[in-house]
Amino acid sequence: MSLPYDHEFDKAWQYGIKVRRVVPEVATHDSHVASTIAVASETPNRKFHWTRRMPTYRYRLGNELNRVLHGLAQVLQERFSR
């Protein structure tokens, strides 16, 4: 694997998978529960300069555009195939 598994799971268009949503949601985030993640001020700043993060931004933008286009194509296909 060259990417984390959750990144691959988001690529339904690449594997020909139909994407669906469950309503009502099975699990939700409870904003009243305190986070156990360390506070940002406790950790040193280790971020790359924004120019070195451009490949990541390009990947994320392409991934999100593909996700939206795949979802729209599915909706249109289901609406007009009946």
PDB file of N, CA and C in Angstrom:
ATOM      1  N   MET A   1       0.845  -1.185   0.000  1.00  0.00           N
ATOM      2  CA  MET A   1       0.000   0.000   0.000  1.00  0.00           C
ATOM      3  C   MET A   1       0.882   1.236   0.000  1.00  0.00           C
ATOM      4  N   SER A   2       0.553   2.154  -0.872  1.00  0.00           N
ATOM      5  CA  SER A   2       1.299   3.404  -0.905  1.00  0.00           C
ATOM      6  C   SER A   2       0.540   4.531  -0.217  1.00  0.00           C
ATOM      7  N   LEU A   3      -0.740   4.283   0.101  1.00  0.00           N
ATOM      8  CA  LEU A   3      -1.574   5.259   0.804  1.00  0.00           C
ATOM      9  C   LEU A   3      -2.255   4.568   1.987  1.00  0.00           C
ATOM     10  N   PRO A   4      -2.718   5.347   2.968  1.00  0.00           N
ATOM     11  CA  PRO A   4      -3.506   4.747   4.048  1.00  0.00           C
ATOM     12  C   PRO A   4      -4.788   4.112   3.488  1.00  0.00           C
ATOM     13  N   TYR A   5      -5.271   3.089   4.157  1.00  0.00           N
ATOM     14  CA  TYR A   5      -6.446   2.362   3.684  1.00  0.00           C
ATOM     15  C   TYR A   5      -7.661   3.268   3.499  1.00  0.00           C
ATOM     16  N   ASP A   6      -7.876   4.210   4.407  1.00  0.00           N
ATOM     17  CA  ASP A   6      -9.065   5.058   4.281  1.00  0.00           C
ATOM     18  C   ASP A   6      -9.028   5.912   3.017  1.00  0.00           C
ATOM     19  N   HIS A   7      -7.845   6.217   2.507  1.00  0.00           N
ATOM     20  CA  HIS A   7      -7.755   6.949   1.240  1.00  0.00           C
ATOM     21  C   HIS A   7      -8.210   6.058   0.083  1.00  0.00           C
ATOM     22  N   GLU A   8      -7.840   4.793   0.132  1.00  0.00           N
ATOM     23  CA  GLU A   8      -8.248   3.860  -0.920  1.00  0.00           C
ATOM     24  C   GLU A   8      -9.749   3.601  -0.866  1.00  0.00           C
ATOM     25  N   PHE A   9     -10.318   3.544   0.336  1.00  0.00           N
ATOM     26  CA  PHE A   9     -11.752   3.299   0.474  1.00  0.00           C
ATOM     27  C   PHE A   9     -12.573   4.428  -0.150  1.00  0.00           C
ATOM     28  N   ASP A  10     -12.014   5.626  -0.237  1.00  0.00           N
ATOM     29  CA  ASP A  10     -12.718   6.768  -0.807  1.00  0.00           C
ATOM     30  C   ASP A  10     -12.738   6.760  -2.330  1.00  0.00           C
ATOM     31  N   LYS A  11     -12.019   5.856  -2.960  1.00  0.00           N
ATOM     32  CA  LYS A  11     -11.895   5.855  -4.418  1.00  0.00           C
ATOM     33  C   LYS A  11     -12.867   4.875  -5.065  1.00  0.00           C
ATOM     34  N   ALA A  12     -14.146   5.083  -4.861  1.00  0.00           N
ATOM     35  CA  ALA A  12     -15.164   4.192  -5.421  1.00  0.00           C
ATOM     36  C   ALA A  12     -15.118   4.190  -6.941  1.00  0.00           C
ATOM     37  N   TRP A  13     -14.854   5.333  -7.547  1.00  0.00           N
ATOM     38  CA  TRP A  13     -14.811   5.423  -9.015  1.00  0.00           C
ATOM     39  C   TRP A  13     -13.708   4.555  -9.608  1.00  0.00           C
ATOM     40  N   GLN A  14     -12.644   4.374  -8.864  1.00  0.00           N
ATOM     41  CA  GLN A  14     -11.516   3.598  -9.370  1.00  0.00           C
ATOM     42  C   GLN A  14     -11.839   2.100  -9.402  1.00  0.00           C
ATOM     43  N   TYR A  15     -12.694   1.665  -8.498  1.00  0.00           N
ATOM     44  CA  TYR A  15     -13.009   0.244  -8.383  1.00  0.00           C
ATOM     45  C   TYR A  15     -14.406  -0.103  -8.898  1.00  0.00           C
ATOM     46  N   GLY A  16     -15.137   0.899  -9.394  1.00  0.00           N
ATOM     47  CA  GLY A  16     -16.473   0.661  -9.919  1.00  0.00           C
ATOM     48  C   GLY A  16     -17.490   0.342  -8.843  1.00  0.00           C
ATOM     49  N   ILE A  17     -17.352   0.949  -7.675  1.00  0.00           N
ATOM     50  CA  ILE A  17     -18.246   0.696  -6.545  1.00  0.00           C
ATOM     51  C   ILE A  17     -19.300   1.789  -6.479  1.00  0.00           C
ATOM     52  N   LYS A  18     -20.542   1.411  -6.191  1.00  0.00           N
ATOM     53  CA  LYS A  18     -21.586   2.408  -5.971  1.00  0.00           C
ATOM     54  C   LYS A  18     -21.484   2.919  -4.540  1.00  0.00           C
ATOM     55  N   VAL A  19     -21.612   4.215  -4.391  1.00  0.00           N
ATOM     56  CA  VAL A  19     -21.516   4.839  -3.077  1.00  0.00           C
ATOM     57  C   VAL A  19     -22.922   5.109  -2.569  1.00  0.00           C
ATOM     58  N   ARG A  20     -23.180   4.723  -1.344  1.00  0.00           N
ATOM     59  CA  ARG A  20     -24.486   4.944  -0.730  1.00  0.00           C
ATOM     60  C   ARG A  20     -24.303   5.558   0.647  1.00  0.00           C
ATOM     61  N   ARG A  21     -25.379   6.130   1.149  1.00  0.00           N
ATOM     62  CA  ARG A  21     -25.369   6.725   2.476  1.00  0.00           C
ATOM     63  C   ARG A  21     -26.526   6.148   3.275  1.00  0.00           C
ATOM     64  N   VAL A  22     -26.308   5.928   4.558  1.00  0.00           N
ATOM     65  CA  VAL A  22     -27.341   5.402   5.439  1.00  0.00           C
ATOM     66  C   VAL A  22     -27.966   6.567   6.192  1.00  0.00           C
ATOM     67  N   VAL A  23     -29.301   6.679   6.125  1.00  0.00           N
ATOM     68  CA  VAL A  23     -30.014   7.731   6.843  1.00  0.00           C
ATOM     69  C   VAL A  23     -31.092   7.058   7.668  1.00  0.00           C
ATOM     70  N   PRO A  24     -31.178   7.265   8.953  1.00  0.00           N
ATOM     71  CA  PRO A  24     -30.331   8.133   9.775  1.00  0.00           C
ATOM     72  C   PRO A  24     -28.946   7.523   9.962  1.00  0.00           C
ATOM     73  N   GLU A  25     -28.013   8.382  10.288  1.00  0.00           N
ATOM     74  CA  GLU A  25     -26.631   7.936  10.442  1.00  0.00           C
ATOM     75  C   GLU A  25     -26.498   6.959  11.598  1.00  0.00           C
ATOM     76  N   VAL A  26     -25.686   5.939  11.396  1.00  0.00           N
ATOM     77  CA  VAL A  26     -25.495   4.909  12.408  1.00  0.00           C
ATOM     78  C   VAL A  26     -24.644   5.424  13.560  1.00  0.00           C
ATOM     79  N   ALA A  27     -23.604   6.165  13.225  1.00  0.00           N
ATOM     80  CA  ALA A  27     -22.715   6.729  14.247  1.00  0.00           C
ATOM     81  C   ALA A  27     -22.466   8.192  13.922  1.00  0.00           C
ATOM     82  N   THR A  28     -22.466   9.009  14.938  1.00  0.00           N
ATOM     83  CA  THR A  28     -22.205  10.435  14.754  1.00  0.00           C
ATOM     84  C   THR A  28     -21.140  10.891  15.750  1.00  0.00           C
ATOM     85  N   HIS A  29     -20.621  12.065  15.511  1.00  0.00           N
ATOM     86  CA  HIS A  29     -19.621  12.642  16.406  1.00  0.00           C
ATOM     87  C   HIS A  29     -20.336  13.382  17.525  1.00  0.00           C
ATOM     88  N   ASP A  30     -19.923  13.136  18.754  1.00  0.00           N
ATOM     89  CA  ASP A  30     -20.494  13.823  19.911  1.00  0.00           C
ATOM     90  C   ASP A  30     -19.577  14.980  20.287  1.00  0.00           C
ATOM     91  N   SER A  31     -19.994  16.188  19.985  1.00  0.00           N
ATOM     92  CA  SER A  31     -19.135  17.354  20.234  1.00  0.00           C
ATOM     93  C   SER A  31     -19.040  17.715  21.714  1.00  0.00           C
ATOM     94  N   HIS A  32     -19.833  17.074  22.567  1.00  0.00           N
ATOM     95  CA  HIS A  32     -19.787  17.379  23.997  1.00  0.00           C
ATOM     96  C   HIS A  32     -18.700  16.594  24.727  1.00  0.00           C
ATOM     97  N   VAL A  33     -18.159  15.574  24.090  1.00  0.00           N
ATOM     98  CA  VAL A  33     -17.103  14.762  24.699  1.00  0.00           C
ATOM     99  C   VAL A  33     -15.758  15.392  24.385  1.00  0.00           C
ATOM    100  N   ALA A  34     -14.933  15.549  25.411  1.00  0.00           N
ATOM    101  CA  ALA A  34     -13.614  16.163  25.229  1.00  0.00           C
ATOM    102  C   ALA A  34     -12.705  15.247  24.415  1.00  0.00           C
ATOM    103  N   SER A  35     -11.880  15.859  23.585  1.00  0.00           N
ATOM    104  CA  SER A  35     -10.940  15.110  22.758  1.00  0.00           C
ATOM    105  C   SER A  35      -9.774  14.600  23.590  1.00  0.00           C
ATOM    106  N   THR A  36      -9.245  13.446  23.190  1.00  0.00           N
ATOM    107  CA  THR A  36      -8.060  12.908  23.861  1.00  0.00           C
ATOM    108  C   THR A  36      -6.798  13.178  23.054  1.00  0.00           C
ATOM    109  N   ILE A  37      -6.931  13.899  21.959  1.00  0.00           N
ATOM    110  CA  ILE A  37      -5.774  14.253  21.141  1.00  0.00           C
ATOM    111  C   ILE A  37      -5.035  15.403  21.818  1.00  0.00           C
ATOM    112  N   ALA A  38      -3.716  15.338  21.812  1.00  0.00           N
ATOM    113  CA  ALA A  38      -2.901  16.360  22.473  1.00  0.00           C
ATOM    114  C   ALA A  38      -3.199  17.740  21.899  1.00  0.00           C
ATOM    115  N   VAL A  39      -3.142  18.730  22.736  1.00  0.00           N
ATOM    116  CA  VAL A  39      -3.371  20.114  22.324  1.00  0.00           C
ATOM    117  C   VAL A  39      -2.229  20.536  21.407  1.00  0.00           C
ATOM    118  N   ALA A  40      -2.546  21.269  20.360  1.00  0.00           N
ATOM    119  CA  ALA A  40      -1.556  21.666  19.356  1.00  0.00           C
ATOM    120  C   ALA A  40      -0.393  22.455  19.959  1.00  0.00           C
ATOM    121  N   SER A  41      -0.659  23.234  20.984  1.00  0.00           N
ATOM    122  CA  SER A  41       0.413  24.042  21.565  1.00  0.00           C
ATOM    123  C   SER A  41       1.438  23.187  22.308  1.00  0.00           C
ATOM    124  N   GLU A  42       1.081  21.941  22.638  1.00  0.00           N
ATOM    125  CA  GLU A  42       2.004  21.057  23.342  1.00  0.00           C
ATOM    126  C   GLU A  42       2.991  20.370  22.406  1.00  0.00           C
ATOM    127  N   THR A  43       2.694  20.372  21.119  1.00  0.00           N
ATOM    128  CA  THR A  43       3.562  19.698  20.162  1.00  0.00           C
ATOM    129  C   THR A  43       4.322  20.733  19.343  1.00  0.00           C
ATOM    130  N   PRO A  44       5.550  20.433  18.985  1.00  0.00           N
ATOM    131  CA  PRO A  44       6.312  21.395  18.169  1.00  0.00           C
ATOM    132  C   PRO A  44       5.745  21.487  16.756  1.00  0.00           C
ATOM    133  N   ASN A  45       5.951  22.611  16.117  1.00  0.00           N
ATOM    134  CA  ASN A  45       5.467  22.815  14.760  1.00  0.00           C
ATOM    135  C   ASN A  45       6.395  22.093  13.792  1.00  0.00           C
ATOM    136  N   ARG A  46       5.891  21.022  13.159  1.00  0.00           N
ATOM    137  CA  ARG A  46       6.711  20.226  12.249  1.00  0.00           C
ATOM    138  C   ARG A  46       6.149  20.234  10.833  1.00  0.00           C
ATOM    139  N   LYS A  47       5.366  21.218  10.509  1.00  0.00           N
ATOM    140  CA  LYS A  47       4.774  21.268   9.172  1.00  0.00           C
ATOM    141  C   LYS A  47       5.798  21.734   8.146  1.00  0.00           C
ATOM    142  N   PHE A  48       5.653  21.171   6.940  1.00  0.00           N
ATOM    143  CA  PHE A  48       6.487  21.619   5.835  1.00  0.00           C
ATOM    144  C   PHE A  48       6.038  22.998   5.380  1.00  0.00           C
ATOM    145  N   HIS A  49       6.911  23.704   4.727  1.00  0.00           N
ATOM    146  CA  HIS A  49       6.552  24.975   4.114  1.00  0.00           C
ATOM    147  C   HIS A  49       5.440  24.715   3.091  1.00  0.00           C
ATOM    148  N   TRP A  50       4.531  25.667   2.901  1.00  0.00           N
ATOM    149  CA  TRP A  50       3.367  25.437   2.037  1.00  0.00           C
ATOM    150  C   TRP A  50       3.755  25.042   0.623  1.00  0.00           C
ATOM    151  N   THR A  51       4.909  25.502   0.151  1.00  0.00           N
ATOM    152  CA  THR A  51       5.322  25.146  -1.209  1.00  0.00           C
ATOM    153  C   THR A  51       5.689  23.666  -1.319  1.00  0.00           C
ATOM    154  N   ARG A  52       6.157  23.066  -0.256  1.00  0.00           N
ATOM    155  CA  ARG A  52       6.496  21.643  -0.275  1.00  0.00           C
ATOM    156  C   ARG A  52       5.245  20.766  -0.127  1.00  0.00           C
ATOM    157  N   ARG A  53       4.133  21.378   0.262  1.00  0.00           N
ATOM    158  CA  ARG A  53       2.883  20.624   0.419  1.00  0.00           C
ATOM    159  C   ARG A  53       2.017  20.647  -0.844  1.00  0.00           C
ATOM    160  N   MET A  54       2.485  21.304  -1.905  1.00  0.00           N
ATOM    161  CA  MET A  54       1.699  21.408  -3.136  1.00  0.00           C
ATOM    162  C   MET A  54       1.316  20.047  -3.731  1.00  0.00           C
ATOM    163  N   PRO A  55       2.196  19.058  -3.789  1.00  0.00           N
ATOM    164  CA  PRO A  55       1.774  17.751  -4.319  1.00  0.00           C
ATOM    165  C   PRO A  55       0.626  17.134  -3.515  1.00  0.00           C
ATOM    166  N   THR A  56       0.637  17.328  -2.211  1.00  0.00           N
ATOM    167  CA  THR A  56      -0.449  16.817  -1.366  1.00  0.00           C
ATOM    168  C   THR A  56      -1.742  17.551  -1.667  1.00  0.00           C
ATOM    169  N   TYR A  57      -1.676  18.865  -1.802  1.00  0.00           N
ATOM    170  CA  TYR A  57      -2.866  19.644  -2.130  1.00  0.00           C
ATOM    171  C   TYR A  57      -3.428  19.228  -3.489  1.00  0.00           C
ATOM    172  N   ARG A  58      -2.557  19.010  -4.457  1.00  0.00           N
ATOM    173  CA  ARG A  58      -2.982  18.590  -5.792  1.00  0.00           C
ATOM    174  C   ARG A  58      -3.669  17.223  -5.731  1.00  0.00           C
ATOM    175  N   TYR A  59      -3.097  16.297  -4.977  1.00  0.00           N
ATOM    176  CA  TYR A  59      -3.696  14.972  -4.818  1.00  0.00           C
ATOM    177  C   TYR A  59      -5.079  15.074  -4.171  1.00  0.00           C
ATOM    178  N   ARG A  60      -5.169  15.831  -3.082  1.00  0.00           N
ATOM    179  CA  ARG A  60      -6.448  15.957  -2.366  1.00  0.00           C
ATOM    180  C   ARG A  60      -7.514  16.618  -3.229  1.00  0.00           C
ATOM    181  N   LEU A  61      -7.138  17.663  -3.964  1.00  0.00           N
ATOM    182  CA  LEU A  61      -8.091  18.334  -4.837  1.00  0.00           C
ATOM    183  C   LEU A  61      -8.580  17.382  -5.926  1.00  0.00           C
ATOM    184  N   GLY A  62      -7.673  16.664  -6.562  1.00  0.00           N
ATOM    185  CA  GLY A  62      -8.062  15.696  -7.585  1.00  0.00           C
ATOM    186  C   GLY A  62      -8.940  14.606  -7.028  1.00  0.00           C
ATOM    187  N   ASN A  63      -8.623  14.120  -5.847  1.00  0.00           N
ATOM    188  CA  ASN A  63      -9.402  13.070  -5.206  1.00  0.00           C
ATOM    189  C   ASN A  63     -10.826  13.549  -4.916  1.00  0.00           C
ATOM    190  N   GLU A  64     -10.963  14.743  -4.375  1.00  0.00           N
ATOM    191  CA  GLU A  64     -12.289  15.275  -4.055  1.00  0.00           C
ATOM    192  C   GLU A  64     -13.098  15.557  -5.317  1.00  0.00           C
ATOM    193  N   LEU A  65     -12.454  16.074  -6.353  1.00  0.00           N
ATOM    194  CA  LEU A  65     -13.159  16.313  -7.612  1.00  0.00           C
ATOM    195  C   LEU A  65     -13.656  14.991  -8.210  1.00  0.00           C
ATOM    196  N   ASN A  66     -12.819  13.963  -8.189  1.00  0.00           N
ATOM    197  CA  ASN A  66     -13.242  12.652  -8.680  1.00  0.00           C
ATOM    198  C   ASN A  66     -14.404  12.099  -7.874  1.00  0.00           C
ATOM    199  N   ARG A  67     -14.375  12.291  -6.557  1.00  0.00           N
ATOM    200  CA  ARG A  67     -15.454  11.805  -5.695  1.00  0.00           C
ATOM    201  C   ARG A  67     -16.775  12.502  -6.034  1.00  0.00           C
ATOM    202  N   VAL A  68     -16.726  13.810  -6.195  1.00  0.00           N
ATOM    203  CA  VAL A  68     -17.937  14.574  -6.523  1.00  0.00           C
ATOM    204  C   VAL A  68     -18.473  14.172  -7.899  1.00  0.00           C
ATOM    205  N   LEU A  69     -17.599  14.095  -8.877  1.00  0.00           N
ATOM    206  CA  LEU A  69     -18.034  13.729 -10.231  1.00  0.00           C
ATOM    207  C   LEU A  69     -18.607  12.313 -10.272  1.00  0.00           C
ATOM    208  N   HIS A  70     -18.007  11.392  -9.546  1.00  0.00           N
ATOM    209  CA  HIS A  70     -18.505  10.018  -9.487  1.00  0.00           C
ATOM    210  C   HIS A  70     -19.892   9.986  -8.841  1.00  0.00           C
ATOM    211  N   GLY A  71     -20.051  10.723  -7.739  1.00  0.00           N
ATOM    212  CA  GLY A  71     -21.347  10.778  -7.070  1.00  0.00           C
ATOM    213  C   GLY A  71     -22.420  11.387  -7.958  1.00  0.00           C
ATOM    214  N   LEU A  72     -22.093  12.476  -8.648  1.00  0.00           N
ATOM    215  CA  LEU A  72     -23.061  13.104  -9.553  1.00  0.00           C
ATOM    216  C   LEU A  72     -23.424  12.172 -10.706  1.00  0.00           C
ATOM    217  N   ALA A  73     -22.438  11.475 -11.235  1.00  0.00           N
ATOM    218  CA  ALA A  73     -22.704  10.530 -12.324  1.00  0.00           C
ATOM    219  C   ALA A  73     -23.640   9.422 -11.857  1.00  0.00           C
ATOM    220  N   GLN A  74     -23.458   8.946 -10.635  1.00  0.00           N
ATOM    221  CA  GLN A  74     -24.340   7.910 -10.111  1.00  0.00           C
ATOM    222  C   GLN A  74     -25.768   8.416  -9.959  1.00  0.00           C
ATOM    223  N   VAL A  75     -25.902   9.619  -9.414  1.00  0.00           N
ATOM    224  CA  VAL A  75     -27.238  10.202  -9.221  1.00  0.00           C
ATOM    225  C   VAL A  75     -27.929  10.385 -10.562  1.00  0.00           C
ATOM    226  N   LEU A  76     -27.235  10.953 -11.522  1.00  0.00           N
ATOM    227  CA  LEU A  76     -27.823  11.180 -12.834  1.00  0.00           C
ATOM    228  C   LEU A  76     -28.176   9.860 -13.528  1.00  0.00           C
ATOM    229  N   GLN A  77     -27.319   8.881 -13.394  1.00  0.00           N
ATOM    230  CA  GLN A  77     -27.580   7.576 -14.005  1.00  0.00           C
ATOM    231  C   GLN A  77     -28.831   6.930 -13.409  1.00  0.00           C
ATOM    232  N   GLU A  78     -28.994   7.019 -12.109  1.00  0.00           N
ATOM    233  CA  GLU A  78     -30.170   6.421 -11.475  1.00  0.00           C
ATOM    234  C   GLU A  78     -31.445   7.195 -11.800  1.00  0.00           C
ATOM    235  N   ARG A  79     -31.337   8.514 -11.877  1.00  0.00           N
ATOM    236  CA  ARG A  79     -32.528   9.316 -12.174  1.00  0.00           C
ATOM    237  C   ARG A  79     -33.033   9.114 -13.592  1.00  0.00           C
ATOM    238  N   PHE A  80     -32.114   9.016 -14.550  1.00  0.00           N
ATOM    239  CA  PHE A  80     -32.511   8.952 -15.955  1.00  0.00           C
ATOM    240  C   PHE A  80     -32.556   7.558 -16.532  1.00  0.00           C
ATOM    241  N   SER A  81     -32.194   6.545 -15.759  1.00  0.00           N
ATOM    242  CA  SER A  81     -32.221   5.181 -16.288  1.00  0.00           C
ATOM    243  C   SER A  81     -33.566   4.490 -16.031  1.00  0.00           C
ATOM    244  N   ARG A  82     -34.433   5.151 -15.337  1.00  0.00           N
ATOM    245  CA  ARG A  82     -35.737   4.540 -15.008  1.00  0.00           C
ATOM    246  C   ARG A  82     -36.735   4.728 -16.095  1.00  0.00           C
TER     247      ARG A  82
END
